[in-house]
Amino acid sequence: MLLSSLGTSIANVGLPTFAQAFSASFQEVQWIVLAYLLASTTLIVSVGRLGDITGRRRLLLAGILLFTVASVLCGVAPTLWLLIAARAVQGLGAAVMMALSMAFVGEAVPKAKTGSAMGVLGTMSAIGTALGPSLGGVLIAGLSWRAIFLVNVPLGVLTYLLAYRHLPVDRQGPNFGPNTDRASFDGVGTLLLALTLAAYALAMTIGRGSFGPLNMALLLAAVFGVALFALAEARAASPLIRLVSFRDPALSASLAMSALVSTVLMATLVVGPFYLSRALGLNAAVVGLVLSVGPLVVALTGVPAGRIVDRFGAQRMTVVGLFGIAAGCFILSMLPATFGISGYIAPIVVITVGYALFQTANNTAVMTDVLPDQRGVISGLLNLSRNLGLITGASVMGAVFALASATVDITTAHPEVVATGMRVTFAVAAVLIVVALAIAVGSRALAGRPSLPGDVP
């Protein structure tokens, strides 16, 4: 989990260096980040399902090996486009690690400790996200850009050895699901889902905030792809995703809440740098330190959040976490710039503590009693909803910020204008969390009891 999140965040800090090293434009070098994101997002459900069929330990070991080999290829790539191709392969390995790490919790950890295990996974993910920019900066300054990829090699080898030594052997027969032996991999569904997710991700990311005809065409293609995918899954003998699962109000609600919360979380990363630098006048070094507070808080609160979930229940703590996020967003939406750095950090801490509690509780609620032969695909869906929320948030919350700031170039905007844009953006974010709270309460009312994917035949 740490490796996959480190791979996501460590390359961002190197974009200016990549542009100089390859004499390329920013639009070209951003594909180094985008290729990883696209590969991990579009394939995460498919690799989760493949793990359910072929054996999760076997596939996870292959994913770790693939990530490690791809890291070597990234580190020695002689051209930009070979580096981008290697990053896509690295993203595939990351998708395997993200989906199957969570799926393993169901068989490696007692149910009473599921929340604690999810908290540890959240902590590792946050550490990787927080460590990426600082470690990447040190490696680029001290060695070269190639070091930010090659550092994954010893970490990957260590991870492989630990997984090989300690993860339980793949189960077969009735313990691994009644239909697993007869299941086949849904190639058509996999292709349609990957193309649909790729179209959506590209629609939300290309153009750097401007939504033109190409973005609209890609978005329409994604909508058409969803319809085709649903049709294909309804006719498939062994579907990639059992559409009947979405009739379970708890699963559908959990996926929707995860996407909404991730959309809001991205607002802190999109708006934060501009508010801190333009409205508060901080230099780049201080901005970096302030932005690291969020991931640091998540890393510190992940394990305690897991224990709280185990003690008080996942459903209840999901709502408590959402209330925390909503409170932080409401505070930021009314924050005067005169409160300075401390006035910004305090509500961010509230948001991130709420996020750590929500994420742990939401994942625990879904994964605790899921059927053994569905753990991989359900884990993939949870990760997918989070990734789609982050992708959507980067585009939508960025657009809200730019619109609320009412300026063409946000980098030269007046401090008061930027502060207004920040307040409006977090007011919208607070509304989204209120919607998530309504979904949480409504799903419990519909279910009449905590309902989980394991209840779905």
Protein backbone atom coordinates (compact mmCIF):
# COMPACT_ATOMS: atom_id res chain seq x y z
CA MET A 1 0.00 0.00 0.00
CA LEU A 2 2.89 2.33 0.78
CA LEU A 3 4.64 1.52 -2.50
CA SER A 4 1.61 2.24 -4.67
CA SER A 5 0.89 5.59 -3.00
CA LEU A 6 4.58 6.54 -3.10
CA GLY A 7 4.59 5.82 -6.82
CA THR A 8 1.65 8.19 -7.25
CA SER A 9 3.08 11.16 -5.38
CA ILE A 10 6.83 10.97 -5.94
CA ALA A 11 6.78 11.82 -9.66
CA ASN A 12 4.85 15.10 -9.32
CA VAL A 13 7.78 16.94 -7.78
CA GLY A 14 9.97 15.99 -10.75
CA LEU A 15 7.83 17.48 -13.53
CA PRO A 16 10.00 20.62 -14.00
CA THR A 17 13.13 18.44 -14.04
CA PHE A 18 11.58 16.05 -16.59
CA ALA A 19 10.69 18.98 -18.85
CA GLN A 20 14.29 20.18 -18.75
CA ALA A 21 15.87 16.73 -19.12
CA PHE A 22 13.80 15.78 -22.17
CA SER A 23 13.42 19.31 -23.62
CA ALA A 24 9.65 18.78 -23.47
CA SER A 25 6.62 20.93 -22.68
CA PHE A 26 4.65 20.65 -19.45
CA GLN A 27 1.74 19.12 -21.39
CA GLU A 28 4.06 16.33 -22.54
CA VAL A 29 5.75 15.57 -19.22
CA GLN A 30 2.45 15.55 -17.30
CA TRP A 31 1.79 12.21 -19.04
CA ILE A 32 4.43 10.74 -16.72
CA VAL A 33 1.92 11.26 -13.91
CA LEU A 34 -1.20 10.70 -16.02
CA ALA A 35 -0.06 7.33 -17.46
CA TYR A 36 0.37 5.90 -13.94
CA LEU A 37 -2.99 7.30 -12.83
CA LEU A 38 -4.84 6.02 -15.90
CA ALA A 39 -3.37 2.50 -15.69
CA SER A 40 -4.06 2.12 -11.97
CA THR A 41 -7.58 3.56 -12.24
CA THR A 42 -8.80 1.76 -15.37
CA LEU A 43 -7.55 -1.69 -14.37
CA ILE A 44 -8.05 -1.81 -10.61
CA VAL A 45 -11.44 -3.57 -10.71
CA SER A 46 -10.26 -6.03 -13.36
CA VAL A 47 -7.16 -7.09 -11.43
CA GLY A 48 -9.27 -7.46 -8.29
CA ARG A 49 -11.58 -9.85 -10.12
CA LEU A 50 -8.62 -11.70 -11.65
CA GLY A 51 -7.26 -12.20 -8.13
CA ASP A 52 -10.59 -13.68 -7.04
CA ILE A 53 -10.36 -16.22 -9.88
CA THR A 54 -6.66 -17.13 -10.08
CA GLY A 55 -5.62 -16.63 -6.46
CA ARG A 56 -4.83 -13.35 -4.72
CA ARG A 57 -1.42 -14.26 -3.30
CA ARG A 58 -0.14 -15.41 -6.68
CA LEU A 59 -1.38 -12.27 -8.46
CA LEU A 60 -0.18 -9.92 -5.72
CA LEU A 61 3.33 -11.34 -5.94
CA ALA A 62 3.20 -10.88 -9.72
CA GLY A 63 2.00 -7.29 -9.24
CA ILE A 64 4.83 -6.45 -6.84
CA LEU A 65 7.35 -7.98 -9.28
CA LEU A 66 5.82 -6.05 -12.19
CA PHE A 67 5.96 -2.78 -10.24
CA THR A 68 9.61 -3.39 -9.34
CA VAL A 69 10.69 -4.27 -12.89
CA ALA A 70 8.78 -1.28 -14.26
CA SER A 71 10.57 0.95 -11.73
CA VAL A 72 13.90 -0.23 -13.19
CA LEU A 73 12.65 0.53 -16.70
CA CYS A 74 11.53 4.00 -15.59
CA GLY A 75 14.93 4.67 -14.05
CA VAL A 76 16.88 3.73 -17.19
CA ALA A 77 14.42 5.07 -19.83
CA PRO A 78 16.37 6.93 -22.54
CA THR A 79 13.39 8.85 -23.96
CA LEU A 80 10.28 10.54 -22.58
CA TRP A 81 7.82 8.22 -24.32
CA LEU A 82 9.57 5.09 -23.08
CA LEU A 83 9.42 6.56 -19.58
CA ILE A 84 5.68 7.17 -20.00
CA ALA A 85 5.16 3.59 -21.23
CA ALA A 86 7.12 2.22 -18.26
CA ARG A 87 5.03 4.38 -15.91
CA ALA A 88 1.86 2.83 -17.35
CA VAL A 89 3.24 -0.64 -16.57
CA GLN A 90 4.18 0.57 -13.10
CA GLY A 91 0.59 1.79 -12.68
CA LEU A 92 -0.70 -1.68 -13.53
CA GLY A 93 1.48 -3.17 -10.81
CA ALA A 94 0.19 -0.49 -8.41
CA ALA A 95 -3.42 -1.40 -9.27
CA VAL A 96 -2.73 -5.02 -8.29
CA MET A 97 -1.14 -3.95 -5.00
CA MET A 98 -3.93 -1.52 -4.07
CA ALA A 99 -6.81 -3.85 -4.86
CA LEU A 100 -5.39 -7.04 -3.37
CA SER A 101 -3.82 -5.52 -0.24
CA MET A 102 -7.30 -4.55 0.95
CA ALA A 103 -8.81 -7.84 -0.26
CA PHE A 104 -6.34 -9.83 1.86
CA VAL A 105 -7.69 -8.28 5.07
CA GLY A 106 -10.77 -10.54 4.95
CA GLU A 107 -8.76 -13.76 5.10
CA ALA A 108 -5.64 -12.66 7.00
CA VAL A 109 -7.29 -10.74 9.87
CA PRO A 110 -10.07 -11.73 12.34
CA LYS A 111 -13.34 -9.86 11.80
CA ALA A 112 -13.05 -8.13 15.17
CA LYS A 113 -9.76 -6.56 14.03
CA THR A 114 -10.82 -5.57 10.50
CA GLY A 115 -11.08 -1.88 11.41
CA SER A 116 -7.57 -1.84 12.88
CA ALA A 117 -6.18 -3.50 9.74
CA MET A 118 -7.95 -0.97 7.52
CA GLY A 119 -6.51 1.79 9.70
CA VAL A 120 -2.99 0.44 9.17
CA LEU A 121 -3.55 0.35 5.39
CA GLY A 122 -4.78 3.95 5.52
CA THR A 123 -1.71 4.95 7.51
CA MET A 124 0.64 3.31 5.00
CA SER A 125 -1.12 5.01 2.10
CA ALA A 126 -0.88 8.40 3.82
CA ILE A 127 2.81 7.90 4.64
CA GLY A 128 3.52 7.09 0.99
CA THR A 129 1.59 10.16 -0.17
CA ALA A 130 3.33 12.45 2.34
CA LEU A 131 6.79 10.95 1.77
CA GLY A 132 6.67 11.19 -2.03
CA PRO A 133 7.25 14.94 -2.61
CA SER A 134 9.92 15.34 0.10
CA LEU A 135 11.81 12.14 -0.79
CA GLY A 136 11.55 12.93 -4.50
CA GLY A 137 12.94 16.42 -3.97
CA VAL A 138 15.91 15.12 -1.97
CA LEU A 139 16.71 12.40 -4.53
CA ILE A 140 16.51 14.78 -7.50
CA ALA A 141 18.68 17.38 -5.76
CA GLY A 142 21.24 14.86 -4.49
CA LEU A 143 21.34 12.38 -7.38
CA SER A 144 19.11 12.72 -10.45
CA TRP A 145 15.51 12.25 -11.55
CA ARG A 146 16.25 8.59 -12.26
CA ALA A 147 16.73 7.98 -8.53
CA ILE A 148 13.04 8.68 -7.76
CA PHE A 149 12.14 5.54 -9.71
CA LEU A 150 15.14 3.38 -8.80
CA VAL A 151 14.46 3.91 -5.07
CA ASN A 152 11.41 1.66 -5.55
CA VAL A 153 13.61 -1.31 -6.52
CA PRO A 154 14.99 -2.26 -3.08
CA LEU A 155 11.61 -1.43 -1.54
CA GLY A 156 9.90 -3.65 -4.11
CA VAL A 157 12.28 -6.56 -3.48
CA LEU A 158 11.73 -6.27 0.28
CA THR A 159 7.95 -6.14 -0.20
CA TYR A 160 8.04 -9.21 -2.44
CA LEU A 161 10.03 -11.21 0.11
CA LEU A 162 7.71 -10.16 2.97
CA ALA A 163 4.59 -11.03 0.96
CA TYR A 164 6.04 -14.37 -0.14
CA ARG A 165 7.01 -15.27 3.40
CA HIS A 166 3.97 -14.12 5.38
CA LEU A 167 0.80 -13.92 3.25
CA PRO A 168 -1.53 -16.94 3.48
CA VAL A 169 -1.51 -19.43 0.61
CA ASP A 170 -4.41 -19.10 -1.84
CA ARG A 171 -7.43 -21.10 -0.78
CA GLN A 172 -9.21 -23.49 -3.08
CA GLY A 173 -12.52 -25.32 -3.06
CA PRO A 174 -15.49 -24.28 -0.93
CA ASN A 175 -13.51 -21.87 1.23
CA PHE A 176 -12.66 -19.81 -1.79
CA GLY A 177 -16.21 -19.44 -3.06
CA PRO A 178 -18.65 -21.96 -4.53
CA ASN A 179 -18.29 -20.86 -8.12
CA THR A 180 -14.63 -19.94 -8.26
CA ASP A 181 -13.47 -23.13 -9.98
CA ARG A 182 -15.96 -22.65 -12.80
CA ALA A 183 -15.44 -18.89 -13.13
CA SER A 184 -13.85 -17.46 -16.22
CA PHE A 185 -12.36 -14.03 -16.72
CA ASP A 186 -14.69 -11.51 -18.38
CA GLY A 187 -12.46 -10.17 -21.16
CA VAL A 188 -15.19 -8.15 -22.92
CA GLY A 189 -16.30 -6.52 -19.68
CA THR A 190 -12.71 -5.76 -18.73
CA LEU A 191 -12.01 -4.05 -22.06
CA LEU A 192 -15.24 -2.02 -21.98
CA LEU A 193 -14.69 -0.91 -18.38
CA ALA A 194 -11.06 0.05 -19.04
CA LEU A 195 -11.98 2.10 -22.12
CA THR A 196 -14.88 3.77 -20.30
CA LEU A 197 -12.77 4.71 -17.28
CA ALA A 198 -9.94 5.92 -19.52
CA ALA A 199 -12.37 8.15 -21.46
CA TYR A 200 -13.73 9.62 -18.22
CA ALA A 201 -10.29 10.15 -16.67
CA LEU A 202 -9.02 11.86 -19.82
CA ALA A 203 -12.16 14.03 -20.02
CA MET A 204 -11.49 15.23 -16.47
CA THR A 205 -7.73 15.78 -16.82
CA ILE A 206 -6.70 16.96 -20.28
CA GLY A 207 -6.82 20.66 -21.03
CA ARG A 208 -5.69 21.56 -17.50
CA GLY A 209 -9.02 22.97 -16.36
CA SER A 210 -10.53 24.07 -19.68
CA PHE A 211 -13.46 21.92 -20.74
CA GLY A 212 -13.50 21.99 -24.55
CA PRO A 213 -15.07 19.92 -27.34
CA LEU A 214 -12.57 17.07 -26.86
CA ASN A 215 -13.41 16.84 -23.16
CA MET A 216 -17.12 16.76 -23.95
CA ALA A 217 -16.64 14.06 -26.61
CA LEU A 218 -14.68 11.92 -24.15
CA LEU A 219 -17.33 12.42 -21.48
CA LEU A 220 -20.07 11.35 -23.89
CA ALA A 221 -17.95 8.33 -24.86
CA ALA A 222 -17.70 7.42 -21.17
CA VAL A 223 -21.49 7.62 -20.76
CA PHE A 224 -21.96 5.43 -23.83
CA GLY A 225 -19.34 3.05 -22.46
CA VAL A 226 -21.23 2.68 -19.17
CA ALA A 227 -24.36 1.64 -21.08
CA LEU A 228 -22.41 -0.89 -23.17
CA PHE A 229 -20.68 -2.26 -20.09
CA ALA A 230 -23.98 -2.74 -18.24
CA LEU A 231 -25.42 -4.55 -21.27
CA ALA A 232 -22.36 -6.80 -21.57
CA GLU A 233 -22.36 -7.65 -17.84
CA ALA A 234 -26.06 -8.54 -17.89
CA ARG A 235 -25.35 -11.13 -20.60
CA ALA A 236 -22.00 -12.45 -19.32
CA ALA A 237 -21.88 -15.95 -17.82
CA SER A 238 -19.17 -14.87 -15.37
CA PRO A 239 -19.38 -11.05 -15.20
CA LEU A 240 -16.55 -8.82 -14.07
CA ILE A 241 -18.99 -7.02 -11.76
CA ARG A 242 -22.25 -8.56 -10.61
CA LEU A 243 -24.74 -5.78 -11.34
CA VAL A 244 -27.09 -7.22 -8.72
CA SER A 245 -24.52 -6.14 -6.10
CA PHE A 246 -25.51 -2.52 -6.68
CA ARG A 247 -29.00 -3.34 -5.41
CA ASP A 248 -27.42 -3.61 -1.99
CA PRO A 249 -27.99 -0.11 -0.52
CA ALA A 250 -24.93 -0.34 1.75
CA LEU A 251 -22.48 -1.11 -1.06
CA SER A 252 -23.91 1.52 -3.43
CA ALA A 253 -23.94 4.09 -0.64
CA SER A 254 -20.36 3.30 0.39
CA LEU A 255 -19.08 3.73 -3.18
CA ALA A 256 -21.00 7.01 -3.63
CA MET A 257 -19.77 8.39 -0.30
CA SER A 258 -16.19 7.40 -1.07
CA ALA A 259 -16.32 9.25 -4.40
CA LEU A 260 -17.85 12.38 -2.82
CA VAL A 261 -15.35 12.48 0.05
CA SER A 262 -12.40 12.01 -2.32
CA THR A 263 -13.72 14.83 -4.51
CA VAL A 264 -13.79 17.11 -1.48
CA LEU A 265 -10.36 15.96 -0.29
CA MET A 266 -8.88 16.95 -3.65
CA ALA A 267 -10.12 20.52 -3.01
CA THR A 268 -7.51 20.88 -0.28
CA LEU A 269 -4.75 19.95 -2.76
CA VAL A 270 -6.12 22.09 -5.60
CA VAL A 271 -7.04 25.24 -3.64
CA GLY A 272 -4.54 25.04 -0.79
CA PRO A 273 -1.35 25.99 -2.69
CA PHE A 274 -2.96 29.06 -4.30
CA TYR A 275 -4.57 30.26 -1.07
CA LEU A 276 -1.38 29.83 0.94
CA SER A 277 0.89 31.48 -1.63
CA ARG A 278 -1.40 34.21 -3.02
CA ALA A 279 -3.75 35.07 -0.13
CA LEU A 280 -1.34 34.49 2.76
CA GLY A 281 1.87 35.36 0.88
CA LEU A 282 3.85 32.30 1.96
CA ASN A 283 6.96 31.12 0.12
CA ALA A 284 7.15 27.73 -1.60
CA ALA A 285 8.98 26.01 1.27
CA VAL A 286 6.39 27.02 3.86
CA VAL A 287 3.53 26.12 1.49
CA GLY A 288 5.03 22.64 1.14
CA LEU A 289 5.24 22.23 4.91
CA VAL A 290 1.63 23.34 5.43
CA LEU A 291 0.38 21.00 2.69
CA SER A 292 2.16 18.08 4.36
CA VAL A 293 0.04 18.55 7.50
CA GLY A 294 -2.95 16.71 5.99
CA PRO A 295 -1.14 13.47 5.02
CA LEU A 296 0.79 13.58 8.32
CA VAL A 297 -2.46 13.80 10.33
CA VAL A 298 -3.95 10.87 8.36
CA ALA A 299 -0.80 8.84 8.98
CA LEU A 300 -0.96 9.50 12.73
CA THR A 301 -4.71 8.91 13.09
CA GLY A 302 -5.12 5.85 10.84
CA VAL A 303 -4.37 3.21 13.48
CA PRO A 304 -6.36 4.90 16.31
CA ALA A 305 -9.25 5.35 13.86
CA GLY A 306 -9.19 1.61 13.15
CA ARG A 307 -9.41 0.76 16.84
CA ILE A 308 -12.28 3.21 17.31
CA VAL A 309 -14.15 1.59 14.41
CA ASP A 310 -13.63 -1.88 15.90
CA ARG A 311 -14.99 -0.67 19.25
CA PHE A 312 -17.94 1.52 18.25
CA GLY A 313 -18.97 0.08 14.89
CA ALA A 314 -18.29 0.96 11.27
CA GLN A 315 -21.72 2.41 10.42
CA ARG A 316 -21.72 4.86 13.33
CA MET A 317 -18.12 5.97 12.76
CA THR A 318 -18.78 6.53 9.06
CA VAL A 319 -21.34 9.19 10.01
CA VAL A 320 -19.06 10.69 12.68
CA GLY A 321 -16.22 10.95 10.14
CA LEU A 322 -18.51 12.70 7.64
CA PHE A 323 -19.61 15.18 10.32
CA GLY A 324 -15.94 15.99 10.98
CA ILE A 325 -15.22 16.61 7.28
CA ALA A 326 -18.36 18.77 6.96
CA ALA A 327 -17.41 20.82 10.02
CA GLY A 328 -13.92 21.51 8.67
CA CYS A 329 -15.31 22.53 5.27
CA PHE A 330 -17.87 24.90 6.85
CA ILE A 331 -15.12 26.54 8.93
CA LEU A 332 -12.96 27.07 5.83
CA SER A 333 -15.93 28.49 3.92
CA MET A 334 -16.21 31.30 6.50
CA LEU A 335 -12.49 31.76 7.24
CA PRO A 336 -11.12 35.30 7.07
CA ALA A 337 -7.57 35.54 5.69
CA THR A 338 -6.52 37.51 8.78
CA PHE A 339 -6.48 34.26 10.75
CA GLY A 340 -3.29 33.34 8.87
CA ILE A 341 -1.61 29.92 8.77
CA SER A 342 -3.07 28.63 12.03
CA GLY A 343 -6.58 29.57 10.88
CA TYR A 344 -6.07 27.41 7.79
CA ILE A 345 -4.31 24.46 9.45
CA ALA A 346 -6.87 23.97 12.26
CA PRO A 347 -9.88 23.15 9.99
CA ILE A 348 -7.62 21.11 7.69
CA VAL A 349 -6.72 18.96 10.70
CA VAL A 350 -10.44 18.54 11.45
CA ILE A 351 -11.09 17.52 7.82
CA THR A 352 -8.25 15.01 7.69
CA VAL A 353 -9.08 13.42 11.05
CA GLY A 354 -12.66 13.05 9.81
CA TYR A 355 -11.36 11.61 6.55
CA ALA A 356 -9.17 9.03 8.31
CA LEU A 357 -12.13 7.91 10.43
CA PHE A 358 -14.55 7.85 7.48
CA GLN A 359 -12.21 5.96 5.15
CA THR A 360 -11.40 3.30 7.73
CA ALA A 361 -15.04 2.88 8.77
CA ASN A 362 -16.38 2.85 5.21
CA ASN A 363 -13.87 0.27 4.00
CA THR A 364 -14.46 -1.86 7.09
CA ALA A 365 -18.25 -1.78 6.64
CA VAL A 366 -17.90 -3.09 3.09
CA MET A 367 -15.07 -5.61 3.46
CA THR A 368 -15.90 -7.29 6.81
CA ASP A 369 -18.41 -9.88 5.57
CA VAL A 370 -17.92 -9.84 1.80
CA LEU A 371 -18.01 -13.25 0.11
CA PRO A 372 -14.52 -14.79 -0.34
CA ASP A 373 -14.80 -14.99 -4.14
CA GLN A 374 -15.79 -11.30 -4.34
CA ARG A 375 -13.17 -9.70 -2.07
CA GLY A 376 -10.88 -8.67 -4.92
CA VAL A 377 -13.52 -7.06 -7.12
CA ILE A 378 -15.24 -5.26 -4.21
CA SER A 379 -11.88 -3.97 -2.99
CA GLY A 380 -11.21 -2.82 -6.56
CA LEU A 381 -14.54 -0.97 -6.63
CA LEU A 382 -13.71 0.83 -3.37
CA ASN A 383 -10.33 1.92 -4.71
CA LEU A 384 -11.94 2.88 -8.03
CA SER A 385 -14.53 5.11 -6.36
CA ARG A 386 -11.74 6.86 -4.46
CA ASN A 387 -9.62 7.37 -7.59
CA LEU A 388 -12.57 8.65 -9.63
CA GLY A 389 -13.37 11.08 -6.82
CA LEU A 390 -9.81 12.41 -6.84
CA ILE A 391 -9.83 12.76 -10.63
CA THR A 392 -13.23 14.48 -10.59
CA GLY A 393 -12.22 16.72 -7.71
CA ALA A 394 -9.10 17.94 -9.52
CA SER A 395 -11.27 19.09 -12.41
CA VAL A 396 -14.56 20.12 -10.78
CA MET A 397 -13.23 21.75 -7.61
CA GLY A 398 -10.53 23.47 -9.66
CA ALA A 399 -13.22 24.85 -11.96
CA VAL A 400 -15.31 26.03 -8.98
CA PHE A 401 -12.25 27.77 -7.52
CA ALA A 402 -11.42 29.50 -10.81
CA LEU A 403 -15.05 30.56 -11.35
CA ALA A 404 -15.43 31.86 -7.79
CA SER A 405 -12.17 33.77 -8.09
CA ALA A 406 -13.53 35.45 -11.26
CA THR A 407 -10.09 35.84 -12.80
CA VAL A 408 -8.40 34.61 -15.96
CA ASP A 409 -5.00 33.88 -14.41
CA ILE A 410 -5.25 32.61 -10.85
CA THR A 411 -1.46 32.77 -10.40
CA THR A 412 -1.54 36.58 -10.54
CA ALA A 413 -4.92 37.12 -8.86
CA HIS A 414 -5.38 39.58 -6.00
CA PRO A 415 -5.17 38.03 -2.49
CA GLU A 416 -8.78 38.96 -1.58
CA VAL A 417 -10.04 37.36 -4.80
CA VAL A 418 -8.17 34.11 -4.05
CA ALA A 419 -9.51 34.08 -0.49
CA THR A 420 -13.06 34.48 -1.81
CA GLY A 421 -12.50 31.64 -4.26
CA MET A 422 -11.27 29.40 -1.43
CA ARG A 423 -14.32 30.16 0.74
CA VAL A 424 -16.78 29.46 -2.09
CA THR A 425 -14.98 26.22 -3.04
CA PHE A 426 -15.18 24.86 0.49
CA ALA A 427 -18.82 25.94 0.78
CA VAL A 428 -19.49 23.71 -2.25
CA ALA A 429 -17.37 20.99 -0.62
CA ALA A 430 -19.47 21.22 2.54
CA VAL A 431 -22.64 20.77 0.50
CA LEU A 432 -21.18 17.64 -1.10
CA ILE A 433 -20.44 16.19 2.34
CA VAL A 434 -23.99 16.96 3.45
CA VAL A 435 -25.13 14.94 0.43
CA ALA A 436 -22.82 12.11 1.57
CA LEU A 437 -24.39 12.29 5.06
CA ALA A 438 -27.86 12.06 3.52
CA ILE A 439 -26.74 8.98 1.57
CA ALA A 440 -25.33 7.39 4.75
CA VAL A 441 -28.56 7.94 6.69
CA GLY A 442 -30.76 6.96 3.74
CA SER A 443 -28.91 3.70 3.06
CA ARG A 444 -29.30 2.61 6.67
CA ALA A 445 -33.00 3.41 6.54
CA LEU A 446 -33.45 1.42 3.32
CA ALA A 447 -31.50 -1.55 4.59
CA GLY A 448 -33.15 -1.62 7.98
CA ARG A 449 -29.86 -3.03 9.26
CA PRO A 450 -26.16 -2.90 8.28
CA SER A 451 -26.17 -4.50 4.82
CA LEU A 452 -23.02 -5.79 3.21
CA PRO A 453 -21.91 -7.29 -0.11
CA GLY A 454 -21.71 -10.67 1.61
CA ASP A 455 -25.51 -10.61 1.88
CA VAL A 456 -25.88 -10.49 -1.91
CA PRO A 457 -26.14 -13.93 -3.56
